[in-house]
N, C-alpha and C. Protein backbone atom coordinates (compact mmCIF):
# COMPACT_ATOMS: atom_id res chain seq x y z
N UNK A 1 170.63 109.06 92.21
CA UNK A 1 171.81 108.35 92.62
C UNK A 1 171.43 106.99 93.14
N UNK A 2 172.37 106.04 92.95
CA UNK A 2 172.17 104.67 93.40
C UNK A 2 172.39 104.67 94.96
N UNK A 3 171.35 104.19 95.74
CA UNK A 3 171.50 104.19 97.19
C UNK A 3 172.54 103.15 97.62
N UNK A 4 172.86 102.14 96.76
CA UNK A 4 173.80 101.09 97.15
C UNK A 4 175.25 101.44 96.72
N UNK A 5 175.39 102.58 96.12
CA UNK A 5 176.72 103.02 95.66
C UNK A 5 177.60 103.34 96.88
N UNK A 6 178.72 102.74 97.04
CA UNK A 6 179.60 103.13 98.19
C UNK A 6 180.07 104.52 98.04
N UNK A 7 180.14 105.26 99.14
CA UNK A 7 180.57 106.65 99.16
C UNK A 7 181.50 106.85 100.31
N UNK A 8 182.69 107.40 100.04
CA UNK A 8 183.62 107.75 101.13
C UNK A 8 183.30 109.07 101.70
N UNK A 9 183.37 109.19 103.04
CA UNK A 9 183.16 110.45 103.69
C UNK A 9 183.98 110.54 104.94
N UNK A 10 184.57 111.63 105.20
CA UNK A 10 185.37 111.88 106.46
C UNK A 10 184.42 112.62 107.47
N UNK A 11 184.51 112.15 108.68
CA UNK A 11 183.70 112.82 109.78
C UNK A 11 184.57 113.12 110.91
N UNK A 12 184.21 114.16 111.69
CA UNK A 12 185.01 114.57 112.85
C UNK A 12 184.17 114.39 114.10
N UNK A 13 184.86 113.98 115.19
CA UNK A 13 184.23 113.87 116.49
C UNK A 13 185.26 114.14 117.58
N UNK A 14 185.03 115.11 118.38
CA UNK A 14 185.95 115.40 119.44
C UNK A 14 187.41 115.53 118.97
N UNK A 15 187.57 116.14 117.83
CA UNK A 15 188.90 116.40 117.30
C UNK A 15 189.53 115.25 116.54
N UNK A 16 188.82 114.15 116.49
CA UNK A 16 189.29 112.95 115.75
C UNK A 16 188.56 112.83 114.40
N UNK A 17 189.40 112.67 113.39
CA UNK A 17 188.87 112.53 112.03
C UNK A 17 188.88 111.09 111.60
N UNK A 18 187.76 110.61 111.10
CA UNK A 18 187.58 109.24 110.65
C UNK A 18 187.09 109.25 109.20
N UNK A 19 187.57 108.34 108.46
CA UNK A 19 187.12 108.20 107.08
C UNK A 19 186.35 106.86 106.97
N UNK A 20 185.17 106.81 106.33
CA UNK A 20 184.43 105.59 106.14
C UNK A 20 183.88 105.48 104.75
N UNK A 21 183.76 104.33 104.29
CA UNK A 21 183.21 104.00 102.99
C UNK A 21 181.91 103.22 103.28
N UNK A 22 180.75 103.88 103.08
CA UNK A 22 179.45 103.21 103.29
C UNK A 22 178.57 103.52 102.07
N UNK A 23 177.54 102.66 101.93
CA UNK A 23 176.62 102.88 100.81
C UNK A 23 175.83 104.18 101.21
N UNK A 24 175.31 104.87 100.14
CA UNK A 24 174.67 106.15 100.36
C UNK A 24 173.47 106.05 101.26
N UNK A 25 172.75 104.94 101.20
CA UNK A 25 171.61 104.78 102.04
C UNK A 25 171.89 104.86 103.51
N UNK A 26 173.08 104.34 103.93
CA UNK A 26 173.53 104.42 105.37
C UNK A 26 173.83 105.90 105.67
N UNK A 27 174.52 106.58 104.76
CA UNK A 27 174.87 108.01 105.03
C UNK A 27 173.62 108.80 105.22
N UNK A 28 172.56 108.52 104.32
CA UNK A 28 171.32 109.24 104.43
C UNK A 28 170.61 109.01 105.79
N UNK A 29 170.71 107.78 106.30
CA UNK A 29 170.05 107.49 107.53
C UNK A 29 170.83 108.18 108.65
N UNK A 30 172.13 108.16 108.63
CA UNK A 30 172.96 108.82 109.64
C UNK A 30 172.75 110.31 109.65
N UNK A 31 172.55 110.91 108.46
CA UNK A 31 172.29 112.31 108.38
C UNK A 31 170.97 112.63 109.04
N UNK A 32 169.90 111.85 108.73
CA UNK A 32 168.54 112.05 109.24
C UNK A 32 168.61 111.85 110.77
N UNK A 33 169.31 110.85 111.23
CA UNK A 33 169.46 110.63 112.69
C UNK A 33 170.15 111.78 113.41
N UNK A 34 171.16 112.33 112.74
CA UNK A 34 171.91 113.45 113.21
C UNK A 34 170.96 114.68 113.42
N UNK A 35 170.17 114.90 112.41
CA UNK A 35 169.23 116.05 112.52
C UNK A 35 168.21 115.79 113.63
N UNK A 36 167.66 114.64 113.64
CA UNK A 36 166.55 114.39 114.62
C UNK A 36 167.11 114.39 116.07
N UNK A 37 168.34 114.06 116.32
CA UNK A 37 168.91 113.91 117.63
C UNK A 37 169.68 115.12 118.00
N UNK A 38 169.98 116.02 117.06
CA UNK A 38 170.73 117.24 117.30
C UNK A 38 172.27 116.92 117.64
N UNK A 39 172.71 115.87 117.01
CA UNK A 39 174.17 115.49 117.21
C UNK A 39 174.82 115.41 115.86
N UNK A 40 176.12 115.55 115.78
CA UNK A 40 176.79 115.36 114.53
C UNK A 40 176.89 113.92 114.13
N UNK A 41 177.01 113.67 112.86
CA UNK A 41 177.26 112.29 112.36
C UNK A 41 178.51 111.76 112.95
N UNK A 42 179.55 112.59 113.10
CA UNK A 42 180.79 112.14 113.73
C UNK A 42 180.63 111.69 115.18
N UNK A 43 179.73 112.35 115.99
CA UNK A 43 179.51 111.95 117.31
C UNK A 43 178.78 110.55 117.36
N UNK A 44 177.85 110.37 116.42
CA UNK A 44 177.14 109.14 116.36
C UNK A 44 178.11 108.00 116.01
N UNK A 45 178.94 108.22 115.09
CA UNK A 45 179.93 107.19 114.64
C UNK A 45 180.91 106.99 115.79
N UNK A 46 181.31 108.02 116.50
CA UNK A 46 182.24 107.83 117.63
C UNK A 46 181.61 106.90 118.72
N UNK A 47 180.32 107.11 118.94
CA UNK A 47 179.57 106.23 119.92
C UNK A 47 179.59 104.78 119.43
N UNK A 48 179.35 104.60 118.17
CA UNK A 48 179.32 103.26 117.61
C UNK A 48 180.69 102.61 117.73
N UNK A 49 181.74 103.47 117.47
CA UNK A 49 183.11 102.99 117.50
C UNK A 49 183.51 102.45 118.88
N UNK A 50 182.94 103.10 119.92
CA UNK A 50 183.21 102.67 121.30
C UNK A 50 182.65 101.30 121.65
N UNK A 51 181.59 100.88 120.87
CA UNK A 51 180.92 99.61 121.16
C UNK A 51 181.48 98.40 120.48
N UNK A 52 182.49 98.58 119.52
CA UNK A 52 182.96 97.46 118.72
C UNK A 52 184.19 96.88 119.36
N UNK A 53 184.44 95.54 119.17
CA UNK A 53 185.66 94.96 119.69
C UNK A 53 186.94 95.64 119.00
N UNK A 54 188.04 95.41 119.66
CA UNK A 54 189.33 96.07 119.28
C UNK A 54 189.65 95.87 117.71
N UNK A 55 189.39 94.65 117.23
CA UNK A 55 189.76 94.37 115.82
C UNK A 55 188.48 94.40 114.91
N UNK A 56 187.43 94.94 115.39
CA UNK A 56 186.19 95.00 114.63
C UNK A 56 186.30 96.07 113.55
N UNK A 57 185.36 95.90 112.54
CA UNK A 57 185.28 96.84 111.35
C UNK A 57 184.28 97.92 111.77
N UNK A 58 184.73 99.18 111.70
CA UNK A 58 183.77 100.33 111.98
C UNK A 58 182.66 100.35 110.91
N UNK A 59 183.04 100.12 109.63
CA UNK A 59 181.96 100.19 108.66
C UNK A 59 180.91 99.14 108.93
N UNK A 60 181.31 97.91 109.26
CA UNK A 60 180.30 96.84 109.57
C UNK A 60 179.52 97.23 110.79
N UNK A 61 180.19 97.76 111.78
CA UNK A 61 179.50 98.17 113.01
C UNK A 61 178.43 99.30 112.69
N UNK A 62 178.72 100.22 111.84
CA UNK A 62 177.76 101.27 111.44
C UNK A 62 176.62 100.60 110.77
N UNK A 63 176.86 99.70 109.84
CA UNK A 63 175.75 99.05 109.11
C UNK A 63 174.87 98.28 110.06
N UNK A 64 175.51 97.49 111.03
CA UNK A 64 174.72 96.76 111.99
C UNK A 64 173.90 97.71 112.85
N UNK A 65 174.48 98.80 113.24
CA UNK A 65 173.81 99.76 114.10
C UNK A 65 172.58 100.35 113.41
N UNK A 66 172.74 100.72 112.18
CA UNK A 66 171.61 101.23 111.40
C UNK A 66 170.54 100.22 111.23
N UNK A 67 170.90 98.96 110.87
CA UNK A 67 169.94 97.92 110.77
C UNK A 67 169.22 97.66 112.05
N UNK A 68 169.86 97.67 113.17
CA UNK A 68 169.30 97.47 114.45
C UNK A 68 168.29 98.54 114.80
N UNK A 69 168.70 99.80 114.58
CA UNK A 69 167.83 100.99 114.86
C UNK A 69 166.55 100.87 114.01
N UNK A 70 166.72 100.63 112.72
CA UNK A 70 165.54 100.49 111.81
C UNK A 70 164.64 99.34 112.20
N UNK A 71 165.22 98.25 112.59
CA UNK A 71 164.42 97.07 113.04
C UNK A 71 163.58 97.40 114.28
N UNK A 72 164.21 98.10 115.26
CA UNK A 72 163.51 98.52 116.44
C UNK A 72 162.38 99.49 116.14
N UNK A 73 162.64 100.44 115.18
CA UNK A 73 161.61 101.38 114.81
C UNK A 73 160.39 100.69 114.12
N UNK A 74 160.67 99.69 113.26
CA UNK A 74 159.63 98.96 112.57
C UNK A 74 158.88 98.19 113.57
N UNK A 75 159.54 97.57 114.56
CA UNK A 75 158.85 96.80 115.64
C UNK A 75 157.92 97.72 116.40
N UNK A 76 158.42 98.87 116.77
CA UNK A 76 157.63 99.81 117.59
C UNK A 76 156.40 100.32 116.72
N UNK A 77 156.60 100.65 115.46
CA UNK A 77 155.47 101.07 114.63
C UNK A 77 154.44 99.93 114.40
N UNK A 78 155.01 98.73 114.18
CA UNK A 78 154.00 97.60 114.04
C UNK A 78 153.16 97.43 115.29
N UNK A 79 153.81 97.59 116.44
CA UNK A 79 153.08 97.46 117.65
C UNK A 79 152.03 98.54 117.83
N UNK A 80 152.38 99.76 117.50
CA UNK A 80 151.51 100.91 117.53
C UNK A 80 150.33 100.75 116.61
N UNK A 81 150.66 100.40 115.35
CA UNK A 81 149.62 100.24 114.38
C UNK A 81 148.70 99.03 114.73
N UNK A 82 149.28 97.96 115.23
CA UNK A 82 148.47 96.80 115.62
C UNK A 82 147.48 97.19 116.72
N UNK A 83 147.97 98.00 117.65
CA UNK A 83 147.11 98.40 118.78
C UNK A 83 146.00 99.38 118.29
N UNK A 84 146.38 100.33 117.48
CA UNK A 84 145.39 101.24 116.87
C UNK A 84 144.34 100.57 116.09
N UNK A 85 144.82 99.62 115.25
CA UNK A 85 143.91 98.84 114.39
C UNK A 85 143.02 97.98 115.17
N UNK A 86 143.55 97.39 116.22
CA UNK A 86 142.75 96.53 117.12
C UNK A 86 141.64 97.29 117.77
N UNK A 87 141.94 98.47 118.31
CA UNK A 87 140.95 99.29 118.97
C UNK A 87 139.86 99.79 117.95
N UNK A 88 140.35 100.15 116.78
CA UNK A 88 139.38 100.57 115.72
C UNK A 88 138.47 99.37 115.34
N UNK A 89 139.02 98.18 115.18
CA UNK A 89 138.15 97.03 114.90
C UNK A 89 137.22 96.72 116.04
N UNK A 90 137.69 96.88 117.23
CA UNK A 90 136.79 96.65 118.40
C UNK A 90 135.66 97.62 118.39
N UNK A 91 136.01 98.88 118.11
CA UNK A 91 134.93 99.89 118.17
C UNK A 91 133.92 99.69 117.00
N UNK A 92 134.46 99.24 115.89
CA UNK A 92 133.54 99.11 114.70
C UNK A 92 132.67 97.83 114.83
N UNK A 93 133.00 96.95 115.63
CA UNK A 93 132.23 95.63 115.74
C UNK A 93 130.84 95.91 116.26
N UNK A 94 129.87 95.25 115.69
CA UNK A 94 128.54 95.43 116.16
C UNK A 94 128.23 94.38 117.20
N UNK A 95 129.07 93.41 117.37
CA UNK A 95 128.93 92.40 118.41
C UNK A 95 129.55 92.87 119.72
N UNK A 96 129.05 92.42 120.82
CA UNK A 96 129.75 92.72 122.07
C UNK A 96 131.16 92.20 121.98
N UNK A 97 132.13 93.03 122.16
CA UNK A 97 133.52 92.60 121.84
C UNK A 97 134.44 93.23 122.94
N UNK A 98 135.52 92.45 123.30
CA UNK A 98 136.51 92.95 124.23
C UNK A 98 137.85 92.35 123.92
N UNK A 99 138.87 93.05 124.39
CA UNK A 99 140.29 92.56 124.17
C UNK A 99 140.75 92.00 125.48
N UNK A 100 141.27 90.75 125.43
CA UNK A 100 141.59 90.03 126.63
C UNK A 100 143.16 89.79 126.66
N UNK A 101 143.73 89.91 127.88
CA UNK A 101 145.18 89.55 128.08
C UNK A 101 145.26 88.09 128.54
N UNK A 102 146.47 87.53 128.56
CA UNK A 102 146.69 86.17 128.91
C UNK A 102 146.22 85.90 130.38
N UNK A 103 146.23 86.89 131.24
CA UNK A 103 145.83 86.67 132.61
C UNK A 103 144.34 86.93 132.80
N UNK A 104 143.61 86.88 131.68
CA UNK A 104 142.13 87.03 131.65
C UNK A 104 141.64 88.39 132.07
N UNK A 105 142.47 89.45 131.90
CA UNK A 105 142.07 90.78 132.16
C UNK A 105 141.47 91.44 130.92
N UNK A 106 140.27 92.05 131.09
CA UNK A 106 139.75 92.73 129.93
C UNK A 106 140.31 94.11 129.81
N UNK A 107 141.02 94.36 128.73
CA UNK A 107 141.79 95.57 128.53
C UNK A 107 140.98 96.70 127.88
N UNK A 108 140.24 96.32 126.93
CA UNK A 108 139.32 97.28 126.19
C UNK A 108 138.06 96.58 125.85
N UNK A 109 136.95 97.40 125.65
CA UNK A 109 135.66 96.81 125.23
C UNK A 109 134.94 97.94 124.52
N UNK A 110 134.03 97.40 123.73
CA UNK A 110 133.20 98.35 122.91
C UNK A 110 131.87 98.72 123.58
N UNK A 111 131.19 99.66 123.03
CA UNK A 111 129.89 100.08 123.58
C UNK A 111 128.85 98.96 123.59
N UNK A 112 128.90 98.13 122.56
CA UNK A 112 127.97 97.05 122.49
C UNK A 112 128.13 96.06 123.62
N UNK A 113 129.39 95.87 124.04
CA UNK A 113 129.71 95.09 125.19
C UNK A 113 129.07 95.65 126.46
N UNK A 114 129.20 96.96 126.63
CA UNK A 114 128.59 97.66 127.78
C UNK A 114 127.10 97.44 127.75
N UNK A 115 126.47 97.63 126.65
CA UNK A 115 124.97 97.44 126.51
C UNK A 115 124.58 95.97 126.88
N UNK A 116 125.38 95.06 126.40
CA UNK A 116 125.16 93.67 126.62
C UNK A 116 125.17 93.39 128.17
N UNK A 117 126.20 93.86 128.79
CA UNK A 117 126.39 93.68 130.21
C UNK A 117 125.19 94.34 130.98
N UNK A 118 124.92 95.59 130.64
CA UNK A 118 123.78 96.23 131.31
C UNK A 118 122.43 95.51 131.12
N UNK A 119 122.19 95.00 129.94
CA UNK A 119 120.94 94.25 129.62
C UNK A 119 120.84 93.04 130.61
N UNK A 120 121.94 92.35 130.87
CA UNK A 120 121.93 91.17 131.69
C UNK A 120 122.02 91.41 133.15
N UNK A 121 122.59 92.51 133.52
CA UNK A 121 122.80 92.87 134.99
C UNK A 121 122.25 94.25 135.16
N UNK A 122 121.01 94.49 134.82
CA UNK A 122 120.46 95.86 134.80
C UNK A 122 120.27 96.44 136.20
N UNK A 123 120.26 95.65 137.27
CA UNK A 123 120.09 96.22 138.58
C UNK A 123 121.44 96.72 139.17
N UNK A 124 122.53 96.54 138.49
CA UNK A 124 123.85 96.90 139.04
C UNK A 124 124.46 98.06 138.19
N UNK A 125 125.29 98.82 138.76
CA UNK A 125 126.10 99.84 138.05
C UNK A 125 127.10 99.13 137.13
N UNK A 126 127.28 99.66 135.86
CA UNK A 126 128.23 99.06 134.96
C UNK A 126 129.60 98.94 135.52
N UNK A 127 130.12 99.99 136.15
CA UNK A 127 131.47 99.95 136.69
C UNK A 127 131.63 98.82 137.75
N UNK A 128 130.59 98.64 138.58
CA UNK A 128 130.61 97.52 139.58
C UNK A 128 130.61 96.15 138.84
N UNK A 129 129.83 96.02 137.85
CA UNK A 129 129.81 94.77 137.11
C UNK A 129 131.17 94.43 136.53
N UNK A 130 131.77 95.44 135.83
CA UNK A 130 133.04 95.18 135.23
C UNK A 130 134.16 94.93 136.25
N UNK A 131 134.00 95.52 137.39
CA UNK A 131 135.06 95.34 138.43
C UNK A 131 134.94 94.00 139.09
N UNK A 132 133.70 93.46 139.32
CA UNK A 132 133.44 92.29 140.08
C UNK A 132 133.12 91.07 139.25
N UNK A 133 133.26 91.19 137.94
CA UNK A 133 132.82 90.14 137.03
C UNK A 133 133.81 88.95 137.05
N UNK A 134 133.25 87.80 137.15
CA UNK A 134 134.11 86.57 137.01
C UNK A 134 133.92 86.02 135.59
N UNK A 135 134.97 85.73 134.89
CA UNK A 135 134.92 85.38 133.46
C UNK A 135 135.54 83.96 133.32
N UNK A 136 134.84 83.04 132.74
CA UNK A 136 135.35 81.68 132.49
C UNK A 136 135.05 81.30 131.09
N UNK A 137 135.92 80.41 130.54
CA UNK A 137 135.72 79.86 129.24
C UNK A 137 135.72 78.35 129.27
N UNK A 138 135.10 77.66 128.31
CA UNK A 138 135.16 76.21 128.28
C UNK A 138 136.57 75.71 128.01
N UNK A 139 137.34 76.47 127.27
CA UNK A 139 138.72 76.15 126.96
C UNK A 139 139.63 76.85 127.97
N UNK A 140 140.74 76.17 128.38
CA UNK A 140 141.67 76.88 129.25
C UNK A 140 142.32 78.07 128.56
N UNK A 141 142.47 79.19 129.29
CA UNK A 141 143.04 80.41 128.64
C UNK A 141 144.37 80.10 128.03
N UNK A 142 145.21 79.29 128.74
CA UNK A 142 146.54 79.00 128.14
C UNK A 142 146.46 78.32 126.77
N UNK A 143 145.47 77.40 126.66
CA UNK A 143 145.25 76.69 125.33
C UNK A 143 144.76 77.66 124.29
N UNK A 144 143.91 78.61 124.62
CA UNK A 144 143.40 79.56 123.71
C UNK A 144 144.58 80.41 123.16
N UNK A 145 145.43 80.88 124.03
CA UNK A 145 146.54 81.72 123.59
C UNK A 145 147.59 80.92 122.86
N UNK A 146 147.84 79.70 123.26
CA UNK A 146 148.82 78.87 122.56
C UNK A 146 148.38 78.55 121.18
N UNK A 147 147.11 78.14 121.01
CA UNK A 147 146.54 77.79 119.67
C UNK A 147 146.61 78.96 118.77
N UNK A 148 146.21 80.15 119.21
CA UNK A 148 146.18 81.29 118.37
C UNK A 148 147.55 81.83 118.12
N UNK A 149 148.45 81.61 119.03
CA UNK A 149 149.85 82.03 118.83
C UNK A 149 150.51 81.22 117.74
N UNK A 150 150.06 79.97 117.69
CA UNK A 150 150.64 79.05 116.64
C UNK A 150 150.07 79.29 115.23
N UNK A 151 148.80 79.85 115.22
CA UNK A 151 148.15 80.09 113.96
C UNK A 151 147.31 81.39 114.10
N UNK A 152 147.90 82.52 113.72
CA UNK A 152 147.33 83.83 113.81
C UNK A 152 146.02 83.95 113.01
N UNK A 153 145.81 83.09 112.01
CA UNK A 153 144.64 83.21 111.15
C UNK A 153 143.48 82.34 111.66
N UNK A 154 143.63 81.63 112.72
CA UNK A 154 142.63 80.70 113.22
C UNK A 154 141.62 81.51 114.01
N UNK A 155 140.35 81.04 113.99
CA UNK A 155 139.34 81.53 114.85
C UNK A 155 138.89 80.40 115.77
N UNK A 156 139.00 80.59 117.03
CA UNK A 156 138.57 79.57 118.01
C UNK A 156 137.11 79.94 118.61
N UNK A 157 136.33 78.94 118.72
CA UNK A 157 135.02 79.11 119.40
C UNK A 157 134.99 78.36 120.70
N UNK A 158 134.41 78.97 121.69
CA UNK A 158 134.26 78.27 122.95
C UNK A 158 132.98 78.81 123.68
N UNK A 159 132.58 78.09 124.70
CA UNK A 159 131.53 78.57 125.54
C UNK A 159 132.14 79.51 126.54
N UNK A 160 131.31 80.33 127.16
CA UNK A 160 131.85 81.26 128.22
C UNK A 160 130.75 81.43 129.24
N UNK A 161 131.20 81.94 130.38
CA UNK A 161 130.26 82.39 131.44
C UNK A 161 130.82 83.63 132.11
N UNK A 162 129.90 84.62 132.28
CA UNK A 162 130.19 85.80 133.06
C UNK A 162 129.40 85.70 134.30
N UNK A 163 130.00 86.05 135.45
CA UNK A 163 129.24 86.00 136.61
C UNK A 163 129.49 87.15 137.51
N UNK A 164 128.47 87.67 138.16
CA UNK A 164 128.54 88.68 139.22
C UNK A 164 127.67 88.26 140.30
N UNK A 165 128.20 88.09 141.49
CA UNK A 165 127.44 87.53 142.60
C UNK A 165 126.89 86.14 142.19
N UNK A 166 125.58 86.01 142.29
CA UNK A 166 124.91 84.74 141.94
C UNK A 166 124.47 84.62 140.49
N UNK A 167 124.48 85.79 139.84
CA UNK A 167 123.96 85.80 138.43
C UNK A 167 125.01 85.39 137.45
N UNK A 168 124.59 84.63 136.40
CA UNK A 168 125.54 84.12 135.38
C UNK A 168 124.95 84.40 134.03
N UNK A 169 125.81 84.68 133.03
CA UNK A 169 125.46 84.74 131.63
C UNK A 169 126.26 83.64 130.97
N UNK A 170 125.62 82.89 130.12
CA UNK A 170 126.35 81.82 129.45
C UNK A 170 126.10 82.00 127.94
N UNK A 171 127.08 81.60 127.10
CA UNK A 171 126.86 81.68 125.69
C UNK A 171 128.19 81.27 124.97
N UNK A 172 128.33 81.68 123.69
CA UNK A 172 129.43 81.29 122.87
C UNK A 172 130.20 82.51 122.48
N UNK A 173 131.50 82.40 122.33
CA UNK A 173 132.40 83.44 121.94
C UNK A 173 133.40 82.97 120.86
N UNK A 174 133.84 83.88 120.04
CA UNK A 174 134.89 83.61 119.04
C UNK A 174 136.13 84.39 119.42
N UNK A 175 137.30 83.71 119.38
CA UNK A 175 138.54 84.28 119.71
C UNK A 175 139.39 84.51 118.49
N UNK A 176 139.98 85.69 118.37
CA UNK A 176 140.89 86.04 117.21
C UNK A 176 142.15 86.62 117.82
N UNK A 177 143.30 86.13 117.26
CA UNK A 177 144.62 86.64 117.75
C UNK A 177 144.85 88.05 117.39
N UNK A 178 145.49 88.78 118.36
CA UNK A 178 145.99 90.11 118.11
C UNK A 178 147.51 90.12 118.40
N UNK A 179 148.35 89.60 117.50
CA UNK A 179 149.73 89.45 117.78
C UNK A 179 150.34 90.82 118.00
N UNK A 180 151.19 91.01 118.96
CA UNK A 180 151.86 92.24 119.27
C UNK A 180 153.39 91.94 119.40
N UNK A 181 154.25 92.88 119.32
CA UNK A 181 155.67 92.63 119.42
C UNK A 181 156.03 92.03 120.80
N UNK A 182 155.41 92.53 121.86
CA UNK A 182 155.87 92.04 123.20
C UNK A 182 155.00 91.12 123.87
N UNK A 183 153.71 91.07 123.45
CA UNK A 183 152.77 90.15 124.10
C UNK A 183 151.63 89.83 123.12
N UNK A 184 150.96 88.80 123.38
CA UNK A 184 149.84 88.38 122.59
C UNK A 184 148.55 88.77 123.30
N UNK A 185 147.63 89.31 122.60
CA UNK A 185 146.33 89.62 123.08
C UNK A 185 145.32 88.88 122.17
N UNK A 186 144.10 88.80 122.74
CA UNK A 186 142.97 88.14 121.95
C UNK A 186 141.81 89.05 121.92
N UNK A 187 141.17 89.15 120.77
CA UNK A 187 139.91 89.88 120.66
C UNK A 187 138.83 88.78 120.75
N UNK A 188 137.83 89.10 121.64
CA UNK A 188 136.77 88.11 121.94
C UNK A 188 135.39 88.72 121.46
N UNK A 189 134.73 88.00 120.56
CA UNK A 189 133.46 88.42 120.07
C UNK A 189 132.37 87.51 120.68
N UNK A 190 131.44 88.14 121.34
CA UNK A 190 130.30 87.35 121.93
C UNK A 190 129.29 87.11 120.87
N UNK A 191 128.93 85.84 120.74
CA UNK A 191 127.88 85.47 119.72
C UNK A 191 126.54 85.62 120.40
N UNK A 192 125.84 86.67 119.92
CA UNK A 192 124.48 86.99 120.50
C UNK A 192 123.45 86.34 119.62
């Protein structure tokens, strides 16, 4: 059957019968939503009907509702997949690597990063190092995030310094964008 073929269907909700002409693909989504939420299609449509202006079209409101729900699900899945893929990439990297937030918080790091830190600060506990570490880059963090936000395919290189107490490690890092639906993160690869 053609998913774009309009199909008339009558639905009931709280004793009120409504008739709608929608393309089959919309009816299929409403049926699936009805099953997953344990509500009737009529109840879903009644809720949509309550949200439209007095002279609005119920069919248009249902289409907009379905499009909005699907858009939200796609955004959620993209965020989930982006996060999972980022952590997998981080784990697979042979370079010391970490994921950085805009406020310079290290959110995730790989085992190679832990070995790198231990090698340079071997007299301290790893947890103390990570808790007390001061991190600076030659480029301002805001500039890093803005540049990568404007061009997700760009790789930025900068100098860096890690410090704990009086000890410092200096070197070069590469930044790669990790665009997410709600916030931007950056994956940082230390050039050893």
